[in-house]
PDB file of N, CA and C in Angstrom:
ATOM      1  N   MET A   1      27.079   6.999 -20.284  1.00  0.00           N
ATOM      2  CA  MET A   1      25.951   7.317 -19.404  1.00  0.00           C
ATOM      3  C   MET A   1      24.655   7.434 -20.197  1.00  0.00           C
ATOM      4  N   GLY A   2      23.580   6.968 -19.607  1.00  0.00           N
ATOM      5  CA  GLY A   2      22.274   7.137 -20.244  1.00  0.00           C
ATOM      6  C   GLY A   2      21.788   8.560 -20.032  1.00  0.00           C
ATOM      7  N   ASN A   3      20.597   8.853 -20.493  1.00  0.00           N
ATOM      8  CA  ASN A   3      20.096  10.210 -20.300  1.00  0.00           C
ATOM      9  C   ASN A   3      19.446  10.376 -18.930  1.00  0.00           C
ATOM     10  N   GLY A   4      19.423   9.303 -18.137  1.00  0.00           N
ATOM     11  CA  GLY A   4      19.025   9.431 -16.749  1.00  0.00           C
ATOM     12  C   GLY A   4      17.549   9.654 -16.500  1.00  0.00           C
ATOM     13  N   LYS A   5      16.716   9.435 -17.514  1.00  0.00           N
ATOM     14  CA  LYS A   5      15.304   9.742 -17.328  1.00  0.00           C
ATOM     15  C   LYS A   5      14.453   8.523 -17.002  1.00  0.00           C
ATOM     16  N   LYS A   6      15.004   7.336 -17.252  1.00  0.00           N
ATOM     17  CA  LYS A   6      14.217   6.122 -17.011  1.00  0.00           C
ATOM     18  C   LYS A   6      14.572   5.559 -15.641  1.00  0.00           C
ATOM     19  N   LEU A   7      13.546   5.313 -14.835  1.00  0.00           N
ATOM     20  CA  LEU A   7      13.763   4.871 -13.470  1.00  0.00           C
ATOM     21  C   LEU A   7      13.224   3.466 -13.260  1.00  0.00           C
ATOM     22  N   TYR A   8      13.955   2.724 -12.458  1.00  0.00           N
ATOM     23  CA  TYR A   8      13.485   1.424 -11.982  1.00  0.00           C
ATOM     24  C   TYR A   8      12.826   1.651 -10.627  1.00  0.00           C
ATOM     25  N   VAL A   9      11.655   1.066 -10.441  1.00  0.00           N
ATOM     26  CA  VAL A   9      10.938   1.191  -9.177  1.00  0.00           C
ATOM     27  C   VAL A   9      10.690  -0.209  -8.636  1.00  0.00           C
ATOM     28  N   GLY A  10      11.268  -0.499  -7.483  1.00  0.00           N
ATOM     29  CA  GLY A  10      11.129  -1.827  -6.910  1.00  0.00           C
ATOM     30  C   GLY A  10      10.382  -1.802  -5.586  1.00  0.00           C
ATOM     31  N   ASN A  11      10.068  -3.003  -5.086  1.00  0.00           N
ATOM     32  CA  ASN A  11       9.348  -3.195  -3.829  1.00  0.00           C
ATOM     33  C   ASN A  11       7.961  -2.560  -3.860  1.00  0.00           C
ATOM     34  N   LEU A  12       7.349  -2.563  -5.030  1.00  0.00           N
ATOM     35  CA  LEU A  12       6.001  -1.989  -5.163  1.00  0.00           C
ATOM     36  C   LEU A  12       4.969  -2.902  -4.513  1.00  0.00           C
ATOM     37  N   PRO A  13       4.010  -2.324  -3.797  1.00  0.00           N
ATOM     38  CA  PRO A  13       2.887  -3.150  -3.337  1.00  0.00           C
ATOM     39  C   PRO A  13       2.169  -3.724  -4.569  1.00  0.00           C
ATOM     40  N   TYR A  14       1.709  -4.958  -4.464  1.00  0.00           N
ATOM     41  CA  TYR A  14       1.074  -5.605  -5.624  1.00  0.00           C
ATOM     42  C   TYR A  14      -0.215  -4.919  -6.028  1.00  0.00           C
ATOM     43  N   SER A  15      -0.761  -4.089  -5.134  1.00  0.00           N
ATOM     44  CA  SER A  15      -2.021  -3.414  -5.434  1.00  0.00           C
ATOM     45  C   SER A  15      -1.846  -2.187  -6.329  1.00  0.00           C
ATOM     46  N   VAL A  16      -0.605  -1.726  -6.486  1.00  0.00           N
ATOM     47  CA  VAL A  16      -0.374  -0.493  -7.241  1.00  0.00           C
ATOM     48  C   VAL A  16      -0.451  -0.756  -8.746  1.00  0.00           C
ATOM     49  N   SER A  17      -1.274   0.023  -9.433  1.00  0.00           N
ATOM     50  CA  SER A  17      -1.437  -0.112 -10.887  1.00  0.00           C
ATOM     51  C   SER A  17      -0.505   0.874 -11.589  1.00  0.00           C
ATOM     52  N   SER A  18      -0.407   0.742 -12.905  1.00  0.00           N
ATOM     53  CA  SER A  18       0.436   1.660 -13.670  1.00  0.00           C
ATOM     54  C   SER A  18      -0.035   3.104 -13.503  1.00  0.00           C
ATOM     55  N   SER A  19      -1.358   3.317 -13.477  1.00  0.00           N
ATOM     56  CA  SER A  19      -1.855   4.692 -13.344  1.00  0.00           C
ATOM     57  C   SER A  19      -1.555   5.253 -11.957  1.00  0.00           C
ATOM     58  N   GLU A  20      -1.617   4.407 -10.928  1.00  0.00           N
ATOM     59  CA  GLU A  20      -1.256   4.869  -9.579  1.00  0.00           C
ATOM     60  C   GLU A  20       0.239   5.168  -9.507  1.00  0.00           C
ATOM     61  N   LEU A  21       1.036   4.336 -10.168  1.00  0.00           N
ATOM     62  CA  LEU A  21       2.479   4.562 -10.208  1.00  0.00           C
ATOM     63  C   LEU A  21       2.760   5.921 -10.839  1.00  0.00           C
ATOM     64  N   GLU A  22       2.060   6.211 -11.932  1.00  0.00           N
ATOM     65  CA  GLU A  22       2.226   7.500 -12.606  1.00  0.00           C
ATOM     66  C   GLU A  22       1.870   8.649 -11.665  1.00  0.00           C
ATOM     67  N   ALA A  23       0.785   8.500 -10.910  1.00  0.00           N
ATOM     68  CA  ALA A  23       0.343   9.558  -9.996  1.00  0.00           C
ATOM     69  C   ALA A  23       1.374   9.803  -8.894  1.00  0.00           C
ATOM     70  N   ILE A  24       1.987   8.735  -8.394  1.00  0.00           N
ATOM     71  CA  ILE A  24       3.000   8.865  -7.342  1.00  0.00           C
ATOM     72  C   ILE A  24       4.179   9.700  -7.851  1.00  0.00           C
ATOM     73  N   PHE A  25       4.590   9.442  -9.089  1.00  0.00           N
ATOM     74  CA  PHE A  25       5.764  10.119  -9.636  1.00  0.00           C
ATOM     75  C   PHE A  25       5.447  11.505 -10.182  1.00  0.00           C
ATOM     76  N   ALA A  26       4.191  11.752 -10.535  1.00  0.00           N
ATOM     77  CA  ALA A  26       3.800  13.043 -11.120  1.00  0.00           C
ATOM     78  C   ALA A  26       4.033  14.199 -10.149  1.00  0.00           C
ATOM     79  N   GLU A  27       4.088  13.868  -8.861  1.00  0.00           N
ATOM     80  CA  GLU A  27       4.352  14.872  -7.842  1.00  0.00           C
ATOM     81  C   GLU A  27       5.726  15.517  -8.035  1.00  0.00           C
ATOM     82  N   PHE A  28       6.626  14.807  -8.705  1.00  0.00           N
ATOM     83  CA  PHE A  28       8.015  15.261  -8.817  1.00  0.00           C
ATOM     84  C   PHE A  28       8.382  15.771 -10.199  1.00  0.00           C
ATOM     85  N   GLY A  29       7.435  15.760 -11.121  1.00  0.00           N
ATOM     86  CA  GLY A  29       7.731  16.241 -12.467  1.00  0.00           C
ATOM     87  C   GLY A  29       6.807  15.590 -13.478  1.00  0.00           C
ATOM     88  N   THR A  30       7.127  15.788 -14.734  1.00  0.00           N
ATOM     89  CA  THR A  30       6.300  15.262 -15.818  1.00  0.00           C
ATOM     90  C   THR A  30       6.650  13.800 -16.089  1.00  0.00           C
ATOM     91  N   VAL A  31       5.642  12.938 -16.023  1.00  0.00           N
ATOM     92  CA  VAL A  31       5.837  11.513 -16.265  1.00  0.00           C
ATOM     93  C   VAL A  31       5.504  11.212 -17.725  1.00  0.00           C
ATOM     94  N   GLU A  32       6.466  10.666 -18.461  1.00  0.00           N
ATOM     95  CA  GLU A  32       6.206  10.321 -19.860  1.00  0.00           C
ATOM     96  C   GLU A  32       5.580   8.942 -19.971  1.00  0.00           C
ATOM     97  N   SER A  33       5.993   8.027 -19.113  1.00  0.00           N
ATOM     98  CA  SER A  33       5.365   6.703 -19.104  1.00  0.00           C
ATOM     99  C   SER A  33       5.592   6.072 -17.742  1.00  0.00           C
ATOM    100  N   ALA A  34       4.648   5.252 -17.346  1.00  0.00           N
ATOM    101  CA  ALA A  34       4.772   4.516 -16.085  1.00  0.00           C
ATOM    102  C   ALA A  34       4.182   3.141 -16.332  1.00  0.00           C
ATOM    103  N   GLN A  35       4.929   2.119 -16.002  1.00  0.00           N
ATOM    104  CA  GLN A  35       4.473   0.767 -16.278  1.00  0.00           C
ATOM    105  C   GLN A  35       4.846  -0.172 -15.142  1.00  0.00           C
ATOM    106  N   VAL A  36       3.831  -0.781 -14.569  1.00  0.00           N
ATOM    107  CA  VAL A  36       4.061  -1.839 -13.592  1.00  0.00           C
ATOM    108  C   VAL A  36       4.229  -3.125 -14.396  1.00  0.00           C
ATOM    109  N   ILE A  37       5.287  -3.864 -14.130  1.00  0.00           N
ATOM    110  CA  ILE A  37       5.529  -5.106 -14.860  1.00  0.00           C
ATOM    111  C   ILE A  37       4.661  -6.213 -14.260  1.00  0.00           C
ATOM    112  N   VAL A  38       3.908  -6.880 -15.128  1.00  0.00           N
ATOM    113  CA  VAL A  38       3.021  -7.937 -14.645  1.00  0.00           C
ATOM    114  C   VAL A  38       3.437  -9.281 -15.223  1.00  0.00           C
ATOM    115  N   ASP A  39       3.105 -10.318 -14.499  1.00  0.00           N
ATOM    116  CA  ASP A  39       3.368 -11.674 -14.963  1.00  0.00           C
ATOM    117  C   ASP A  39       2.482 -11.964 -16.166  1.00  0.00           C
ATOM    118  N   ARG A  40       3.101 -12.414 -17.239  1.00  0.00           N
ATOM    119  CA  ARG A  40       2.383 -12.677 -18.487  1.00  0.00           C
ATOM    120  C   ARG A  40       1.247 -13.677 -18.301  1.00  0.00           C
ATOM    121  N   ASP A  41       1.479 -14.677 -17.482  1.00  0.00           N
ATOM    122  CA  ASP A  41       0.498 -15.756 -17.357  1.00  0.00           C
ATOM    123  C   ASP A  41      -0.631 -15.422 -16.390  1.00  0.00           C
ATOM    124  N   THR A  42      -0.308 -14.762 -15.287  1.00  0.00           N
ATOM    125  CA  THR A  42      -1.332 -14.520 -14.268  1.00  0.00           C
ATOM    126  C   THR A  42      -1.892 -13.106 -14.309  1.00  0.00           C
ATOM    127  N   GLY A  43      -1.167 -12.184 -14.956  1.00  0.00           N
ATOM    128  CA  GLY A  43      -1.613 -10.797 -14.982  1.00  0.00           C
ATOM    129  C   GLY A  43      -1.392 -10.072 -13.663  1.00  0.00           C
ATOM    130  N   ARG A  44      -0.720 -10.737 -12.718  1.00  0.00           N
ATOM    131  CA  ARG A  44      -0.443 -10.093 -11.428  1.00  0.00           C
ATOM    132  C   ARG A  44       0.842  -9.268 -11.503  1.00  0.00           C
ATOM    133  N   SER A  45       0.870  -8.207 -10.701  1.00  0.00           N
ATOM    134  CA  SER A  45       2.068  -7.376 -10.619  1.00  0.00           C
ATOM    135  C   SER A  45       3.246  -8.213 -10.131  1.00  0.00           C
ATOM    136  N   LYS A  46       4.426  -7.924 -10.696  1.00  0.00           N
ATOM    137  CA  LYS A  46       5.642  -8.586 -10.205  1.00  0.00           C
ATOM    138  C   LYS A  46       6.297  -7.770  -9.104  1.00  0.00           C
ATOM    139  N   GLY A  47       5.682  -6.642  -8.745  1.00  0.00           N
ATOM    140  CA  GLY A  47       6.214  -5.853  -7.641  1.00  0.00           C
ATOM    141  C   GLY A  47       7.308  -4.879  -8.045  1.00  0.00           C
ATOM    142  N   PHE A  48       7.437  -4.642  -9.358  1.00  0.00           N
ATOM    143  CA  PHE A  48       8.368  -3.604  -9.790  1.00  0.00           C
ATOM    144  C   PHE A  48       7.868  -3.010 -11.096  1.00  0.00           C
ATOM    145  N   GLY A  49       8.458  -1.901 -11.468  1.00  0.00           N
ATOM    146  CA  GLY A  49       8.041  -1.253 -12.704  1.00  0.00           C
ATOM    147  C   GLY A  49       9.080  -0.258 -13.160  1.00  0.00           C
ATOM    148  N   PHE A  50       8.732   0.444 -14.225  1.00  0.00           N
ATOM    149  CA  PHE A  50       9.622   1.456 -14.786  1.00  0.00           C
ATOM    150  C   PHE A  50       8.835   2.732 -15.008  1.00  0.00           C
ATOM    151  N   VAL A  51       9.477   3.843 -14.718  1.00  0.00           N
ATOM    152  CA  VAL A  51       8.868   5.150 -14.942  1.00  0.00           C
ATOM    153  C   VAL A  51       9.843   5.973 -15.761  1.00  0.00           C
ATOM    154  N   GLU A  52       9.330   6.622 -16.795  1.00  0.00           N
ATOM    155  CA  GLU A  52      10.183   7.512 -17.577  1.00  0.00           C
ATOM    156  C   GLU A  52       9.733   8.939 -17.327  1.00  0.00           C
ATOM    157  N   MET A  53      10.665   9.758 -16.862  1.00  0.00           N
ATOM    158  CA  MET A  53      10.381  11.153 -16.573  1.00  0.00           C
ATOM    159  C   MET A  53      10.766  12.012 -17.775  1.00  0.00           C
ATOM    160  N   ALA A  54      10.217  13.234 -17.826  1.00  0.00           N
ATOM    161  CA  ALA A  54      10.469  14.107 -18.977  1.00  0.00           C
ATOM    162  C   ALA A  54      11.898  14.642 -19.009  1.00  0.00           C
ATOM    163  N   SER A  55      12.530  14.755 -17.843  1.00  0.00           N
ATOM    164  CA  SER A  55      13.901  15.279 -17.806  1.00  0.00           C
ATOM    165  C   SER A  55      14.700  14.550 -16.739  1.00  0.00           C
ATOM    166  N   ALA A  56      16.018  14.656 -16.868  1.00  0.00           N
ATOM    167  CA  ALA A  56      16.902  14.045 -15.874  1.00  0.00           C
ATOM    168  C   ALA A  56      16.705  14.713 -14.512  1.00  0.00           C
ATOM    169  N   GLU A  57      16.385  16.020 -14.525  1.00  0.00           N
ATOM    170  CA  GLU A  57      16.144  16.732 -13.259  1.00  0.00           C
ATOM    171  C   GLU A  57      14.915  16.174 -12.548  1.00  0.00           C
ATOM    172  N   ASP A  58      13.836  15.952 -13.320  1.00  0.00           N
ATOM    173  CA  ASP A  58      12.623  15.370 -12.740  1.00  0.00           C
ATOM    174  C   ASP A  58      12.912  13.984 -12.183  1.00  0.00           C
ATOM    175  N   ALA A  59      13.709  13.226 -12.932  1.00  0.00           N
ATOM    176  CA  ALA A  59      14.045  11.868 -12.496  1.00  0.00           C
ATOM    177  C   ALA A  59      14.815  11.913 -11.181  1.00  0.00           C
ATOM    178  N   GLN A  60      15.771  12.829 -11.076  1.00  0.00           N
ATOM    179  CA  GLN A  60      16.566  12.940  -9.851  1.00  0.00           C
ATOM    180  C   GLN A  60      15.683  13.377  -8.685  1.00  0.00           C
ATOM    181  N   ALA A  61      14.761  14.297  -8.947  1.00  0.00           N
ATOM    182  CA  ALA A  61      13.840  14.745  -7.897  1.00  0.00           C
ATOM    183  C   ALA A  61      12.999  13.572  -7.397  1.00  0.00           C
ATOM    184  N   ALA A  62      12.573  12.717  -8.332  1.00  0.00           N
ATOM    185  CA  ALA A  62      11.763  11.553  -7.955  1.00  0.00           C
ATOM    186  C   ALA A  62      12.586  10.561  -7.138  1.00  0.00           C
ATOM    187  N   ILE A  63      13.840  10.344  -7.532  1.00  0.00           N
ATOM    188  CA  ILE A  63      14.714   9.443  -6.764  1.00  0.00           C
ATOM    189  C   ILE A  63      14.881   9.990  -5.345  1.00  0.00           C
ATOM    190  N   ASP A  64      15.186  11.292  -5.261  1.00  0.00           N
ATOM    191  CA  ASP A  64      15.408  11.905  -3.950  1.00  0.00           C
ATOM    192  C   ASP A  64      14.147  11.855  -3.095  1.00  0.00           C
ATOM    193  N   GLY A  65      12.993  12.076  -3.731  1.00  0.00           N
ATOM    194  CA  GLY A  65      11.755  12.177  -2.973  1.00  0.00           C
ATOM    195  C   GLY A  65      11.097  10.852  -2.648  1.00  0.00           C
ATOM    196  N   LEU A  66      11.358   9.835  -3.471  1.00  0.00           N
ATOM    197  CA  LEU A  66      10.605   8.592  -3.333  1.00  0.00           C
ATOM    198  C   LEU A  66      11.417   7.388  -2.876  1.00  0.00           C
ATOM    199  N   SER A  67      12.724   7.433  -3.011  1.00  0.00           N
ATOM    200  CA  SER A  67      13.521   6.284  -2.602  1.00  0.00           C
ATOM    201  C   SER A  67      13.384   6.091  -1.092  1.00  0.00           C
ATOM    202  N   GLY A  68      12.889   4.942  -0.686  1.00  0.00           N
ATOM    203  CA  GLY A  68      12.696   4.658   0.724  1.00  0.00           C
ATOM    204  C   GLY A  68      11.350   5.120   1.268  1.00  0.00           C
ATOM    205  N   LYS A  69      10.576   5.840   0.446  1.00  0.00           N
ATOM    206  CA  LYS A  69       9.263   6.308   0.889  1.00  0.00           C
ATOM    207  C   LYS A  69       8.288   5.134   0.951  1.00  0.00           C
ATOM    208  N   GLU A  70       7.505   5.073   2.007  1.00  0.00           N
ATOM    209  CA  GLU A  70       6.574   3.952   2.151  1.00  0.00           C
ATOM    210  C   GLU A  70       5.289   4.180   1.366  1.00  0.00           C
ATOM    211  N   VAL A  71       4.933   3.188   0.604  1.00  0.00           N
ATOM    212  CA  VAL A  71       3.651   3.159  -0.088  1.00  0.00           C
ATOM    213  C   VAL A  71       2.957   1.887   0.385  1.00  0.00           C
ATOM    214  N   ASN A  72       1.818   2.049   1.010  1.00  0.00           N
ATOM    215  CA  ASN A  72       1.102   0.907   1.600  1.00  0.00           C
ATOM    216  C   ASN A  72       2.030   0.070   2.492  1.00  0.00           C
ATOM    217  N   GLY A  73       2.903   0.757   3.239  1.00  0.00           N
ATOM    218  CA  GLY A  73       3.743   0.059   4.200  1.00  0.00           C
ATOM    219  C   GLY A  73       5.009  -0.554   3.649  1.00  0.00           C
ATOM    220  N   ARG A  74       5.257  -0.360   2.338  1.00  0.00           N
ATOM    221  CA  ARG A  74       6.492  -0.918   1.758  1.00  0.00           C
ATOM    222  C   ARG A  74       7.388   0.208   1.267  1.00  0.00           C
ATOM    223  N   PRO A  75       8.635   0.257   1.742  1.00  0.00           N
ATOM    224  CA  PRO A  75       9.547   1.305   1.266  1.00  0.00           C
ATOM    225  C   PRO A  75       9.951   1.052  -0.189  1.00  0.00           C
ATOM    226  N   LEU A  76       9.741   2.044  -1.029  1.00  0.00           N
ATOM    227  CA  LEU A  76      10.059   1.891  -2.448  1.00  0.00           C
ATOM    228  C   LEU A  76      11.569   1.894  -2.679  1.00  0.00           C
ATOM    229  N   THR A  77      11.990   1.168  -3.684  1.00  0.00           N
ATOM    230  CA  THR A  77      13.347   1.255  -4.204  1.00  0.00           C
ATOM    231  C   THR A  77      13.239   2.026  -5.515  1.00  0.00           C
ATOM    232  N   VAL A  78      13.910   3.159  -5.598  1.00  0.00           N
ATOM    233  CA  VAL A  78      13.857   3.948  -6.834  1.00  0.00           C
ATOM    234  C   VAL A  78      15.280   4.282  -7.235  1.00  0.00           C
ATOM    235  N   ASN A  79      15.676   3.878  -8.425  1.00  0.00           N
ATOM    236  CA  ASN A  79      16.973   4.289  -8.929  1.00  0.00           C
ATOM    237  C   ASN A  79      16.955   4.321 -10.442  1.00  0.00           C
ATOM    238  N   GLU A  80      18.023   4.848 -11.000  1.00  0.00           N
ATOM    239  CA  GLU A  80      18.107   4.966 -12.447  1.00  0.00           C
ATOM    240  C   GLU A  80      18.128   3.573 -13.069  1.00  0.00           C
ATOM    241  N   ALA A  81      17.271   3.350 -14.042  1.00  0.00           N
ATOM    242  CA  ALA A  81      17.270   2.059 -14.733  1.00  0.00           C
ATOM    243  C   ALA A  81      18.567   1.941 -15.509  1.00  0.00           C
ATOM    244  N   ARG A  82      19.170   0.787 -15.430  1.00  0.00           N
ATOM    245  CA  ARG A  82      20.442   0.585 -16.120  1.00  0.00           C
ATOM    246  C   ARG A  82      20.210  -0.193 -17.399  1.00  0.00           C
ATOM    247  N   PRO A  83      20.302   0.472 -18.538  1.00  0.00           N
ATOM    248  CA  PRO A  83      20.127  -0.294 -19.776  1.00  0.00           C
ATOM    249  C   PRO A  83      21.279  -1.274 -19.962  1.00  0.00           C
ATOM    250  N   ARG A  84      20.964  -2.472 -20.426  1.00  0.00           N
ATOM    251  CA  ARG A  84      21.999  -3.480 -20.636  1.00  0.00           C
ATOM    252  C   ARG A  84      22.807  -3.201 -21.891  1.00  0.00           C
ATOM    253  N   GLU A  85      22.378  -2.229 -22.700  1.00  0.00           N
ATOM    254  CA  GLU A  85      23.029  -2.032 -23.990  1.00  0.00           C
ATOM    255  C   GLU A  85      24.379  -1.333 -23.890  1.00  0.00           C
ATOM    256  N   GLU A  86      24.847  -1.022 -22.652  1.00  0.00           N
ATOM    257  CA  GLU A  86      26.156  -0.400 -22.520  1.00  0.00           C
ATOM    258  C   GLU A  86      27.275  -1.363 -22.884  1.00  0.00           C
ATOM    259  N   ARG A  87      27.007  -2.650 -22.888  1.00  0.00           N
ATOM    260  CA  ARG A  87      28.084  -3.621 -23.117  1.00  0.00           C
ATOM    261  C   ARG A  87      28.238  -3.983 -24.584  1.00  0.00           C
ATOM    262  N   GLY A  88      27.919  -3.053 -25.462  1.00  0.00           N
ATOM    263  CA  GLY A  88      28.153  -3.291 -26.880  1.00  0.00           C
ATOM    264  C   GLY A  88      27.205  -4.297 -27.486  1.00  0.00           C
ATOM    265  N   GLY A  89      26.028  -4.463 -26.921  1.00  0.00           N
ATOM    266  CA  GLY A  89      25.031  -5.343 -27.540  1.00  0.00           C
ATOM    267  C   GLY A  89      24.558  -4.725 -28.835  1.00  0.00           C
ATOM    268  N   ARG A  90      24.159  -5.536 -29.801  1.00  0.00           N
ATOM    269  CA  ARG A  90      23.746  -5.001 -31.095  1.00  0.00           C
ATOM    270  C   ARG A  90      22.238  -4.853 -31.178  1.00  0.00           C
ATOM    271  N   GLY A  91      21.754  -3.685 -30.800  1.00  0.00           N
ATOM    272  CA  GLY A  91      20.347  -3.366 -31.007  1.00  0.00           C
ATOM    273  C   GLY A  91      19.371  -4.232 -30.249  1.00  0.00           C
ATOM    274  N   GLN A  92      19.822  -5.023 -29.299  1.00  0.00           N
ATOM    275  CA  GLN A  92      18.874  -5.804 -28.512  1.00  0.00           C
ATOM    276  C   GLN A  92      18.479  -4.969 -27.326  1.00  0.00           C
ATOM    277  N   ARG A  93      17.211  -4.574 -27.269  1.00  0.00           N
ATOM    278  CA  ARG A  93      16.788  -3.699 -26.187  1.00  0.00           C
ATOM    279  C   ARG A  93      16.235  -4.523 -25.046  1.00  0.00           C
ATOM    280  N   ASN A  94      17.064  -4.704 -24.046  1.00  0.00           N
ATOM    281  CA  ASN A  94      16.604  -5.318 -22.805  1.00  0.00           C
ATOM    282  C   ASN A  94      16.368  -4.194 -21.827  1.00  0.00           C
ATOM    283  N   TYR A  95      15.250  -4.206 -21.158  1.00  0.00           N
ATOM    284  CA  TYR A  95      14.936  -3.150 -20.212  1.00  0.00           C
ATOM    285  C   TYR A  95      15.245  -3.658 -18.823  1.00  0.00           C
ATOM    286  N   GLY A  96      16.305  -3.121 -18.237  1.00  0.00           N
ATOM    287  CA  GLY A  96      16.686  -3.530 -16.893  1.00  0.00           C
ATOM    288  C   GLY A  96      16.914  -5.029 -16.790  1.00  0.00           C
ATOM    289  N   GLY A  97      17.301  -5.670 -17.901  1.00  0.00           N
ATOM    290  CA  GLY A  97      17.580  -7.091 -17.870  1.00  0.00           C
ATOM    291  C   GLY A  97      16.355  -7.950 -18.074  1.00  0.00           C
ATOM    292  N   TYR A  98      15.213  -7.314 -18.319  1.00  0.00           N
ATOM    293  CA  TYR A  98      13.990  -8.092 -18.538  1.00  0.00           C
ATOM    294  C   TYR A  98      13.576  -7.931 -19.977  1.00  0.00           C
ATOM    295  N   GLY A  99      13.420  -9.033 -20.698  1.00  0.00           N
ATOM    296  CA  GLY A  99      13.037  -8.955 -22.111  1.00  0.00           C
ATOM    297  C   GLY A  99      11.644  -8.392 -22.273  1.00  0.00           C
ATOM    298  N   ARG A 100      11.384  -7.838 -23.447  1.00  0.00           N
ATOM    299  CA  ARG A 100      10.058  -7.253 -23.708  1.00  0.00           C
ATOM    300  C   ARG A 100       9.100  -8.367 -24.080  1.00  0.00           C
ATOM    301  N   ARG A 101       8.610  -9.081 -23.062  1.00  0.00           N
ATOM    302  CA  ARG A 101       7.718 -10.189 -23.384  1.00  0.00           C
ATOM    303  C   ARG A 101       6.318  -9.949 -22.856  1.00  0.00           C
ATOM    304  N   TYR A 102       6.056  -8.748 -22.350  1.00  0.00           N
ATOM    305  CA  TYR A 102       4.748  -8.502 -21.788  1.00  0.00           C
ATOM    306  C   TYR A 102       3.832  -7.843 -22.786  1.00  0.00           C
TER     307      TYR A 102
END
């Protein structure tokens, strides 16, 4: 099991920035980082991101409070980010299956 603090956030409105994402989650605890994933070539949001909370409790509170909550008319998908490194990979850090190319 991971430490449960990193969250995947999906179905984000394209208008939401990383700082807005942080503000949405700050309501539920201390946000260590919030990042909307953007397309490398166009700089546009891909409609999902990752948020790291200070504790597993904060992360769970955010999942409970925000999963399915509408932001600009779109219900958010919020769940624990699943690191791919559980399958015995050697030090290759893939974040939720997306390489660090941004």
